[in-house]
mmCIF file of all heavy atoms, coordinates in Angstrom:
data_MODEL
# 
_entry.id   MODEL 
# 
loop_
_atom_site.group_PDB 
_atom_site.id 
_atom_site.type_symbol 
_atom_site.label_atom_id 
_atom_site.label_alt_id 
_atom_site.label_comp_id 
_atom_site.label_asym_id 
_atom_site.label_entity_id 
_atom_site.label_seq_id 
_atom_site.pdbx_PDB_ins_code 
_atom_site.Cartn_x 
_atom_site.Cartn_y 
_atom_site.Cartn_z 
_atom_site.occupancy 
_atom_site.B_iso_or_equiv 
_atom_site.pdbx_formal_charge 
_atom_site.auth_seq_id 
_atom_site.auth_comp_id 
_atom_site.auth_asym_id 
_atom_site.auth_atom_id 
_atom_site.pdbx_PDB_model_num 
ATOM 1   N N   . HIS A 1 1  ? -48.270 136.921 -90.852 1.00 0.00 ? 1  HIS A N   1 
ATOM 2   C CA  . HIS A 1 1  ? -49.653 136.969 -91.384 1.00 0.00 ? 1  HIS A CA  1 
ATOM 3   C C   . HIS A 1 1  ? -50.567 135.934 -90.712 1.00 0.00 ? 1  HIS A C   1 
ATOM 4   O O   . HIS A 1 1  ? -51.658 136.237 -90.306 1.00 0.00 ? 1  HIS A O   1 
ATOM 5   C CB  . HIS A 1 1  ? -49.652 136.763 -92.860 1.00 0.00 ? 1  HIS A CB  1 
ATOM 6   C CG  . HIS A 1 1  ? -51.027 136.890 -93.531 1.00 0.00 ? 1  HIS A CG  1 
ATOM 7   N ND1 . HIS A 1 1  ? -51.685 138.074 -93.590 1.00 0.00 ? 1  HIS A ND1 1 
ATOM 8   C CD2 . HIS A 1 1  ? -51.815 135.943 -94.038 1.00 0.00 ? 1  HIS A CD2 1 
ATOM 9   C CE1 . HIS A 1 1  ? -52.842 137.868 -94.168 1.00 0.00 ? 1  HIS A CE1 1 
ATOM 10  N NE2 . HIS A 1 1  ? -52.965 136.565 -94.498 1.00 0.00 ? 1  HIS A NE2 1 
ATOM 11  N N   . LYS A 1 2  ? -50.008 134.738 -90.536 1.00 0.00 ? 2  LYS A N   1 
ATOM 12  C CA  . LYS A 1 2  ? -50.748 133.661 -89.918 1.00 0.00 ? 2  LYS A CA  1 
ATOM 13  C C   . LYS A 1 2  ? -51.063 134.046 -88.369 1.00 0.00 ? 2  LYS A C   1 
ATOM 14  O O   . LYS A 1 2  ? -52.146 133.771 -87.858 1.00 0.00 ? 2  LYS A O   1 
ATOM 15  C CB  . LYS A 1 2  ? -50.072 132.320 -89.986 1.00 0.00 ? 2  LYS A CB  1 
ATOM 16  C CG  . LYS A 1 2  ? -50.874 131.105 -89.499 1.00 0.00 ? 2  LYS A CG  1 
ATOM 17  C CD  . LYS A 1 2  ? -50.120 129.848 -89.858 1.00 0.00 ? 2  LYS A CD  1 
ATOM 18  C CE  . LYS A 1 2  ? -50.969 128.594 -89.528 1.00 0.00 ? 2  LYS A CE  1 
ATOM 19  N NZ  . LYS A 1 2  ? -51.175 128.449 -88.105 1.00 0.00 ? 2  LYS A NZ  1 
ATOM 20  N N   . LEU A 1 3  ? -50.043 134.627 -87.758 1.00 0.00 ? 3  LEU A N   1 
ATOM 21  C CA  . LEU A 1 3  ? -50.145 135.042 -86.361 1.00 0.00 ? 3  LEU A CA  1 
ATOM 22  C C   . LEU A 1 3  ? -51.278 136.124 -86.267 1.00 0.00 ? 3  LEU A C   1 
ATOM 23  O O   . LEU A 1 3  ? -52.156 136.024 -85.384 1.00 0.00 ? 3  LEU A O   1 
ATOM 24  C CB  . LEU A 1 3  ? -48.820 135.628 -85.864 1.00 0.00 ? 3  LEU A CB  1 
ATOM 25  C CG  . LEU A 1 3  ? -48.840 136.348 -84.534 1.00 0.00 ? 3  LEU A CG  1 
ATOM 26  C CD1 . LEU A 1 3  ? -49.258 135.352 -83.453 1.00 0.00 ? 3  LEU A CD1 1 
ATOM 27  C CD2 . LEU A 1 3  ? -47.448 136.921 -84.220 1.00 0.00 ? 3  LEU A CD2 1 
ATOM 28  N N   . GLU A 1 4  ? -51.281 137.029 -87.195 1.00 0.00 ? 4  GLU A N   1 
ATOM 29  C CA  . GLU A 1 4  ? -52.305 138.064 -87.102 1.00 0.00 ? 4  GLU A CA  1 
ATOM 30  C C   . GLU A 1 4  ? -53.704 137.470 -87.288 1.00 0.00 ? 4  GLU A C   1 
ATOM 31  O O   . GLU A 1 4  ? -54.628 137.876 -86.598 1.00 0.00 ? 4  GLU A O   1 
ATOM 32  C CB  . GLU A 1 4  ? -51.976 139.104 -88.211 1.00 0.00 ? 4  GLU A CB  1 
ATOM 33  C CG  . GLU A 1 4  ? -50.745 139.902 -87.925 1.00 0.00 ? 4  GLU A CG  1 
ATOM 34  C CD  . GLU A 1 4  ? -50.412 140.813 -89.152 1.00 0.00 ? 4  GLU A CD  1 
ATOM 35  O OE1 . GLU A 1 4  ? -51.100 140.754 -90.177 1.00 0.00 ? 4  GLU A OE1 1 
ATOM 36  O OE2 . GLU A 1 4  ? -49.396 141.559 -89.088 1.00 0.00 ? 4  GLU A OE2 1 
ATOM 37  N N   . GLU A 1 5  ? -53.830 136.533 -88.190 1.00 0.00 ? 5  GLU A N   1 
ATOM 38  C CA  . GLU A 1 5  ? -55.073 135.880 -88.403 1.00 0.00 ? 5  GLU A CA  1 
ATOM 39  C C   . GLU A 1 5  ? -55.615 135.212 -87.175 1.00 0.00 ? 5  GLU A C   1 
ATOM 40  O O   . GLU A 1 5  ? -56.784 135.273 -86.801 1.00 0.00 ? 5  GLU A O   1 
ATOM 41  C CB  . GLU A 1 5  ? -55.047 134.877 -89.585 1.00 0.00 ? 5  GLU A CB  1 
ATOM 42  C CG  . GLU A 1 5  ? -54.817 135.565 -90.984 1.00 0.00 ? 5  GLU A CG  1 
ATOM 43  C CD  . GLU A 1 5  ? -54.813 134.529 -92.072 1.00 0.00 ? 5  GLU A CD  1 
ATOM 44  O OE1 . GLU A 1 5  ? -54.459 133.292 -91.744 1.00 0.00 ? 5  GLU A OE1 1 
ATOM 45  O OE2 . GLU A 1 5  ? -55.012 134.856 -93.254 1.00 0.00 ? 5  GLU A OE2 1 
ATOM 46  N N   . GLU A 1 6  ? -54.699 134.516 -86.472 1.00 0.00 ? 6  GLU A N   1 
ATOM 47  C CA  . GLU A 1 6  ? -55.108 133.781 -85.266 1.00 0.00 ? 6  GLU A CA  1 
ATOM 48  C C   . GLU A 1 6  ? -55.466 134.730 -84.146 1.00 0.00 ? 6  GLU A C   1 
ATOM 49  O O   . GLU A 1 6  ? -56.427 134.470 -83.377 1.00 0.00 ? 6  GLU A O   1 
ATOM 50  C CB  . GLU A 1 6  ? -53.986 132.778 -84.856 1.00 0.00 ? 6  GLU A CB  1 
ATOM 51  C CG  . GLU A 1 6  ? -53.797 131.609 -85.776 1.00 0.00 ? 6  GLU A CG  1 
ATOM 52  C CD  . GLU A 1 6  ? -52.760 130.675 -85.290 1.00 0.00 ? 6  GLU A CD  1 
ATOM 53  O OE1 . GLU A 1 6  ? -52.527 130.620 -84.040 1.00 0.00 ? 6  GLU A OE1 1 
ATOM 54  O OE2 . GLU A 1 6  ? -52.133 129.957 -86.068 1.00 0.00 ? 6  GLU A OE2 1 
ATOM 55  N N   . LEU A 1 7  ? -54.750 135.851 -84.069 1.00 0.00 ? 7  LEU A N   1 
ATOM 56  C CA  . LEU A 1 7  ? -55.109 136.829 -83.020 1.00 0.00 ? 7  LEU A CA  1 
ATOM 57  C C   . LEU A 1 7  ? -56.380 137.479 -83.355 1.00 0.00 ? 7  LEU A C   1 
ATOM 58  O O   . LEU A 1 7  ? -57.240 137.672 -82.386 1.00 0.00 ? 7  LEU A O   1 
ATOM 59  C CB  . LEU A 1 7  ? -54.020 137.900 -82.953 1.00 0.00 ? 7  LEU A CB  1 
ATOM 60  C CG  . LEU A 1 7  ? -52.670 137.466 -82.392 1.00 0.00 ? 7  LEU A CG  1 
ATOM 61  C CD1 . LEU A 1 7  ? -51.613 138.510 -82.554 1.00 0.00 ? 7  LEU A CD1 1 
ATOM 62  C CD2 . LEU A 1 7  ? -52.755 137.094 -80.883 1.00 0.00 ? 7  LEU A CD2 1 
ATOM 63  N N   . LEU A 1 8  ? -56.671 137.744 -84.559 1.00 0.00 ? 8  LEU A N   1 
ATOM 64  C CA  . LEU A 1 8  ? -57.983 138.397 -84.946 1.00 0.00 ? 8  LEU A CA  1 
ATOM 65  C C   . LEU A 1 8  ? -59.159 137.439 -84.750 1.00 0.00 ? 8  LEU A C   1 
ATOM 66  O O   . LEU A 1 8  ? -60.258 137.838 -84.532 1.00 0.00 ? 8  LEU A O   1 
ATOM 67  C CB  . LEU A 1 8  ? -57.889 138.952 -86.393 1.00 0.00 ? 8  LEU A CB  1 
ATOM 68  C CG  . LEU A 1 8  ? -56.995 140.127 -86.642 1.00 0.00 ? 8  LEU A CG  1 
ATOM 69  C CD1 . LEU A 1 8  ? -56.851 140.320 -88.149 1.00 0.00 ? 8  LEU A CD1 1 
ATOM 70  C CD2 . LEU A 1 8  ? -57.596 141.377 -85.992 1.00 0.00 ? 8  LEU A CD2 1 
ATOM 71  N N   . ALA A 1 9  ? -58.852 136.157 -84.803 1.00 0.00 ? 9  ALA A N   1 
ATOM 72  C CA  . ALA A 1 9  ? -59.952 135.154 -84.688 1.00 0.00 ? 9  ALA A CA  1 
ATOM 73  C C   . ALA A 1 9  ? -60.348 134.957 -83.286 1.00 0.00 ? 9  ALA A C   1 
ATOM 74  O O   . ALA A 1 9  ? -61.375 134.339 -82.961 1.00 0.00 ? 9  ALA A O   1 
ATOM 75  C CB  . ALA A 1 9  ? -59.499 133.833 -85.312 1.00 0.00 ? 9  ALA A CB  1 
ATOM 76  N N   . LEU A 1 10 ? -59.515 135.432 -82.319 1.00 0.00 ? 10 LEU A N   1 
ATOM 77  C CA  . LEU A 1 10 ? -59.888 135.291 -80.889 1.00 0.00 ? 10 LEU A CA  1 
ATOM 78  C C   . LEU A 1 10 ? -61.138 136.128 -80.546 1.00 0.00 ? 10 LEU A C   1 
ATOM 79  O O   . LEU A 1 10 ? -61.245 137.252 -80.953 1.00 0.00 ? 10 LEU A O   1 
ATOM 80  C CB  . LEU A 1 10 ? -58.721 135.725 -79.986 1.00 0.00 ? 10 LEU A CB  1 
ATOM 81  C CG  . LEU A 1 10 ? -57.484 134.884 -80.024 1.00 0.00 ? 10 LEU A CG  1 
ATOM 82  C CD1 . LEU A 1 10 ? -56.308 135.572 -79.305 1.00 0.00 ? 10 LEU A CD1 1 
ATOM 83  C CD2 . LEU A 1 10 ? -57.699 133.451 -79.516 1.00 0.00 ? 10 LEU A CD2 1 
ATOM 84  N N   . LYS A 1 11 ? -62.021 135.479 -79.860 1.00 0.00 ? 11 LYS A N   1 
ATOM 85  C CA  . LYS A 1 11 ? -63.290 136.170 -79.420 1.00 0.00 ? 11 LYS A CA  1 
ATOM 86  C C   . LYS A 1 11 ? -63.100 136.711 -77.986 1.00 0.00 ? 11 LYS A C   1 
ATOM 87  O O   . LYS A 1 11 ? -62.861 135.908 -77.089 1.00 0.00 ? 11 LYS A O   1 
ATOM 88  C CB  . LYS A 1 11 ? -64.493 135.238 -79.492 1.00 0.00 ? 11 LYS A CB  1 
ATOM 89  C CG  . LYS A 1 11 ? -64.665 134.549 -80.882 1.00 0.00 ? 11 LYS A CG  1 
ATOM 90  C CD  . LYS A 1 11 ? -64.893 135.656 -81.996 1.00 0.00 ? 11 LYS A CD  1 
ATOM 91  C CE  . LYS A 1 11 ? -65.172 134.984 -83.294 1.00 0.00 ? 11 LYS A CE  1 
ATOM 92  N NZ  . LYS A 1 11 ? -65.314 135.941 -84.441 1.00 0.00 ? 11 LYS A NZ  1 
ATOM 93  N N   . SER A 1 12 ? -63.227 138.031 -77.814 1.00 0.00 ? 12 SER A N   1 
ATOM 94  C CA  . SER A 1 12 ? -63.028 138.665 -76.488 1.00 0.00 ? 12 SER A CA  1 
ATOM 95  C C   . SER A 1 12 ? -61.822 138.070 -75.843 1.00 0.00 ? 12 SER A C   1 
ATOM 96  O O   . SER A 1 12 ? -61.915 137.530 -74.717 1.00 0.00 ? 12 SER A O   1 
ATOM 97  C CB  . SER A 1 12 ? -64.304 138.410 -75.707 1.00 0.00 ? 12 SER A CB  1 
ATOM 98  O OG  . SER A 1 12 ? -65.479 138.932 -76.262 1.00 0.00 ? 12 SER A OG  1 
ATOM 99  N N   . PRO A 1 13 ? -60.654 138.217 -76.457 1.00 0.00 ? 13 PRO A N   1 
ATOM 100 C CA  . PRO A 1 13 ? -59.459 137.565 -75.861 1.00 0.00 ? 13 PRO A CA  1 
ATOM 101 C C   . PRO A 1 13 ? -58.969 138.177 -74.596 1.00 0.00 ? 13 PRO A C   1 
ATOM 102 O O   . PRO A 1 13 ? -59.002 139.352 -74.379 1.00 0.00 ? 13 PRO A O   1 
ATOM 103 C CB  . PRO A 1 13 ? -58.430 137.784 -77.026 1.00 0.00 ? 13 PRO A CB  1 
ATOM 104 C CG  . PRO A 1 13 ? -58.880 139.046 -77.680 1.00 0.00 ? 13 PRO A CG  1 
ATOM 105 C CD  . PRO A 1 13 ? -60.359 138.975 -77.641 1.00 0.00 ? 13 PRO A CD  1 
ATOM 106 N N   . SER A 1 14 ? -58.474 137.303 -73.723 1.00 0.00 ? 14 SER A N   1 
ATOM 107 C CA  . SER A 1 14 ? -57.827 137.756 -72.486 1.00 0.00 ? 14 SER A CA  1 
ATOM 108 C C   . SER A 1 14 ? -56.328 137.812 -72.820 1.00 0.00 ? 14 SER A C   1 
ATOM 109 O O   . SER A 1 14 ? -55.844 137.367 -73.824 1.00 0.00 ? 14 SER A O   1 
ATOM 110 C CB  . SER A 1 14 ? -58.070 136.735 -71.406 1.00 0.00 ? 14 SER A CB  1 
ATOM 111 O OG  . SER A 1 14 ? -57.498 135.430 -71.724 1.00 0.00 ? 14 SER A OG  1 
ATOM 112 N N   . ALA A 1 15 ? -55.586 138.405 -71.864 1.00 0.00 ? 15 ALA A N   1 
ATOM 113 C CA  . ALA A 1 15 ? -54.173 138.417 -71.967 1.00 0.00 ? 15 ALA A CA  1 
ATOM 114 C C   . ALA A 1 15 ? -53.575 137.053 -72.140 1.00 0.00 ? 15 ALA A C   1 
ATOM 115 O O   . ALA A 1 15 ? -52.624 136.832 -72.878 1.00 0.00 ? 15 ALA A O   1 
ATOM 116 C CB  . ALA A 1 15 ? -53.536 139.185 -70.814 1.00 0.00 ? 15 ALA A CB  1 
ATOM 117 N N   . GLU A 1 16 ? -54.137 136.053 -71.359 1.00 0.00 ? 16 GLU A N   1 
ATOM 118 C CA  . GLU A 1 16 ? -53.658 134.720 -71.369 1.00 0.00 ? 16 GLU A CA  1 
ATOM 119 C C   . GLU A 1 16 ? -53.922 134.139 -72.837 1.00 0.00 ? 16 GLU A C   1 
ATOM 120 O O   . GLU A 1 16 ? -53.076 133.362 -73.256 1.00 0.00 ? 16 GLU A O   1 
ATOM 121 C CB  . GLU A 1 16 ? -54.352 133.929 -70.359 1.00 0.00 ? 16 GLU A CB  1 
ATOM 122 C CG  . GLU A 1 16 ? -53.967 134.173 -68.907 1.00 0.00 ? 16 GLU A CG  1 
ATOM 123 C CD  . GLU A 1 16 ? -54.592 135.495 -68.409 1.00 0.00 ? 16 GLU A CD  1 
ATOM 124 O OE1 . GLU A 1 16 ? -55.566 136.036 -69.027 1.00 0.00 ? 16 GLU A OE1 1 
ATOM 125 O OE2 . GLU A 1 16 ? -54.064 136.041 -67.399 1.00 0.00 ? 16 GLU A OE2 1 
ATOM 126 N N   . ASP A 1 17 ? -55.001 134.462 -73.415 1.00 0.00 ? 17 ASP A N   1 
ATOM 127 C CA  . ASP A 1 17 ? -55.330 133.911 -74.781 1.00 0.00 ? 17 ASP A CA  1 
ATOM 128 C C   . ASP A 1 17 ? -54.300 134.432 -75.759 1.00 0.00 ? 17 ASP A C   1 
ATOM 129 O O   . ASP A 1 17 ? -53.833 133.622 -76.605 1.00 0.00 ? 17 ASP A O   1 
ATOM 130 C CB  . ASP A 1 17 ? -56.713 134.342 -75.200 1.00 0.00 ? 17 ASP A CB  1 
ATOM 131 C CG  . ASP A 1 17 ? -57.829 133.748 -74.337 1.00 0.00 ? 17 ASP A CG  1 
ATOM 132 O OD1 . ASP A 1 17 ? -57.653 132.635 -73.806 1.00 0.00 ? 17 ASP A OD1 1 
ATOM 133 O OD2 . ASP A 1 17 ? -58.905 134.403 -74.226 1.00 0.00 ? 17 ASP A OD2 1 
ATOM 134 N N   . ILE A 1 18 ? -54.006 135.690 -75.712 1.00 0.00 ? 18 ILE A N   1 
ATOM 135 C CA  . ILE A 1 18 ? -53.000 136.285 -76.592 1.00 0.00 ? 18 ILE A CA  1 
ATOM 136 C C   . ILE A 1 18 ? -51.661 135.693 -76.384 1.00 0.00 ? 18 ILE A C   1 
ATOM 137 O O   . ILE A 1 18 ? -50.934 135.364 -77.304 1.00 0.00 ? 18 ILE A O   1 
ATOM 138 C CB  . ILE A 1 18 ? -53.017 137.794 -76.459 1.00 0.00 ? 18 ILE A CB  1 
ATOM 139 C CG1 . ILE A 1 18 ? -54.370 138.485 -76.828 1.00 0.00 ? 18 ILE A CG1 1 
ATOM 140 C CG2 . ILE A 1 18 ? -51.862 138.419 -77.237 1.00 0.00 ? 18 ILE A CG2 1 
ATOM 141 C CD1 . ILE A 1 18 ? -54.512 139.858 -76.487 1.00 0.00 ? 18 ILE A CD1 1 
ATOM 142 N N   . ALA A 1 19 ? -51.331 135.593 -75.114 1.00 0.00 ? 19 ALA A N   1 
ATOM 143 C CA  . ALA A 1 19 ? -49.967 134.997 -74.774 1.00 0.00 ? 19 ALA A CA  1 
ATOM 144 C C   . ALA A 1 19 ? -49.884 133.587 -75.291 1.00 0.00 ? 19 ALA A C   1 
ATOM 145 O O   . ALA A 1 19 ? -48.838 133.118 -75.767 1.00 0.00 ? 19 ALA A O   1 
ATOM 146 C CB  . ALA A 1 19 ? -49.743 135.034 -73.307 1.00 0.00 ? 19 ALA A CB  1 
ATOM 147 N N   . GLY A 1 20 ? -50.971 132.853 -75.225 1.00 0.00 ? 20 GLY A N   1 
ATOM 148 C CA  . GLY A 1 20 ? -50.974 131.433 -75.705 1.00 0.00 ? 20 GLY A CA  1 
ATOM 149 C C   . GLY A 1 20 ? -50.698 131.373 -77.216 1.00 0.00 ? 20 GLY A C   1 
ATOM 150 O O   . GLY A 1 20 ? -49.900 130.505 -77.651 1.00 0.00 ? 20 GLY A O   1 
ATOM 151 N N   . VAL A 1 21 ? -51.330 132.231 -77.936 1.00 0.00 ? 21 VAL A N   1 
ATOM 152 C CA  . VAL A 1 21 ? -51.081 132.272 -79.371 1.00 0.00 ? 21 VAL A CA  1 
ATOM 153 C C   . VAL A 1 21 ? -49.647 132.551 -79.721 1.00 0.00 ? 21 VAL A C   1 
ATOM 154 O O   . VAL A 1 21 ? -48.996 131.967 -80.592 1.00 0.00 ? 21 VAL A O   1 
ATOM 155 C CB  . VAL A 1 21 ? -52.049 133.244 -80.133 1.00 0.00 ? 21 VAL A CB  1 
ATOM 156 C CG1 . VAL A 1 21 ? -51.701 133.351 -81.596 1.00 0.00 ? 21 VAL A CG1 1 
ATOM 157 C CG2 . VAL A 1 21 ? -53.491 132.779 -79.987 1.00 0.00 ? 21 VAL A CG2 1 
ATOM 158 N N   . LEU A 1 22 ? -49.224 133.654 -79.065 1.00 0.00 ? 22 LEU A N   1 
ATOM 159 C CA  . LEU A 1 22 ? -47.801 134.063 -79.284 1.00 0.00 ? 22 LEU A CA  1 
ATOM 160 C C   . LEU A 1 22 ? -46.802 133.014 -78.934 1.00 0.00 ? 22 LEU A C   1 
ATOM 161 O O   . LEU A 1 22 ? -45.833 132.734 -79.662 1.00 0.00 ? 22 LEU A O   1 
ATOM 162 C CB  . LEU A 1 22 ? -47.519 135.339 -78.501 1.00 0.00 ? 22 LEU A CB  1 
ATOM 163 C CG  . LEU A 1 22 ? -48.251 136.592 -78.908 1.00 0.00 ? 22 LEU A CG  1 
ATOM 164 C CD1 . LEU A 1 22 ? -48.015 137.776 -77.946 1.00 0.00 ? 22 LEU A CD1 1 
ATOM 165 C CD2 . LEU A 1 22 ? -47.799 137.063 -80.333 1.00 0.00 ? 22 LEU A CD2 1 
ATOM 166 N N   . GLU A 1 23 ? -47.007 132.299 -77.807 1.00 0.00 ? 23 GLU A N   1 
ATOM 167 C CA  . GLU A 1 23 ? -46.087 131.337 -77.361 1.00 0.00 ? 23 GLU A CA  1 
ATOM 168 C C   . GLU A 1 23 ? -46.101 130.139 -78.275 1.00 0.00 ? 23 GLU A C   1 
ATOM 169 O O   . GLU A 1 23 ? -45.095 129.470 -78.491 1.00 0.00 ? 23 GLU A O   1 
ATOM 170 C CB  . GLU A 1 23 ? -46.405 130.970 -75.860 1.00 0.00 ? 23 GLU A CB  1 
ATOM 171 C CG  . GLU A 1 23 ? -45.971 132.028 -74.878 1.00 0.00 ? 23 GLU A CG  1 
ATOM 172 C CD  . GLU A 1 23 ? -46.636 131.861 -73.527 1.00 0.00 ? 23 GLU A CD  1 
ATOM 173 O OE1 . GLU A 1 23 ? -47.263 130.861 -73.328 1.00 0.00 ? 23 GLU A OE1 1 
ATOM 174 O OE2 . GLU A 1 23 ? -46.585 132.862 -72.753 1.00 0.00 ? 23 GLU A OE2 1 
ATOM 175 N N   . SER A 1 24 ? -47.284 129.811 -78.830 1.00 0.00 ? 24 SER A N   1 
ATOM 176 C CA  . SER A 1 24 ? -47.397 128.647 -79.756 1.00 0.00 ? 24 SER A CA  1 
ATOM 177 C C   . SER A 1 24 ? -46.515 128.942 -81.006 1.00 0.00 ? 24 SER A C   1 
ATOM 178 O O   . SER A 1 24 ? -45.822 128.088 -81.526 1.00 0.00 ? 24 SER A O   1 
ATOM 179 C CB  . SER A 1 24 ? -48.844 128.508 -80.148 1.00 0.00 ? 24 SER A CB  1 
ATOM 180 O OG  . SER A 1 24 ? -48.996 127.516 -81.190 1.00 0.00 ? 24 SER A OG  1 
ATOM 181 N N   . HIS A 1 25 ? -46.630 130.227 -81.546 1.00 0.00 ? 25 HIS A N   1 
ATOM 182 C CA  . HIS A 1 25 ? -45.837 130.511 -82.738 1.00 0.00 ? 25 HIS A CA  1 
ATOM 183 C C   . HIS A 1 25 ? -44.349 130.625 -82.376 1.00 0.00 ? 25 HIS A C   1 
ATOM 184 O O   . HIS A 1 25 ? -43.518 130.190 -83.166 1.00 0.00 ? 25 HIS A O   1 
ATOM 185 C CB  . HIS A 1 25 ? -46.351 131.868 -83.230 1.00 0.00 ? 25 HIS A CB  1 
ATOM 186 C CG  . HIS A 1 25 ? -47.556 131.799 -84.154 1.00 0.00 ? 25 HIS A CG  1 
ATOM 187 N ND1 . HIS A 1 25 ? -47.431 131.707 -85.545 1.00 0.00 ? 25 HIS A ND1 1 
ATOM 188 C CD2 . HIS A 1 25 ? -48.842 131.670 -83.871 1.00 0.00 ? 25 HIS A CD2 1 
ATOM 189 C CE1 . HIS A 1 25 ? -48.655 131.573 -86.035 1.00 0.00 ? 25 HIS A CE1 1 
ATOM 190 N NE2 . HIS A 1 25 ? -49.526 131.579 -85.079 1.00 0.00 ? 25 HIS A NE2 1 
# 
């Protein structure tokens, strides 16, 4: 749930942005 929230909070996310969130979790 927290992961989803952080992904949804990204503004115009790039693949690198998404990968960064996933790798952090």
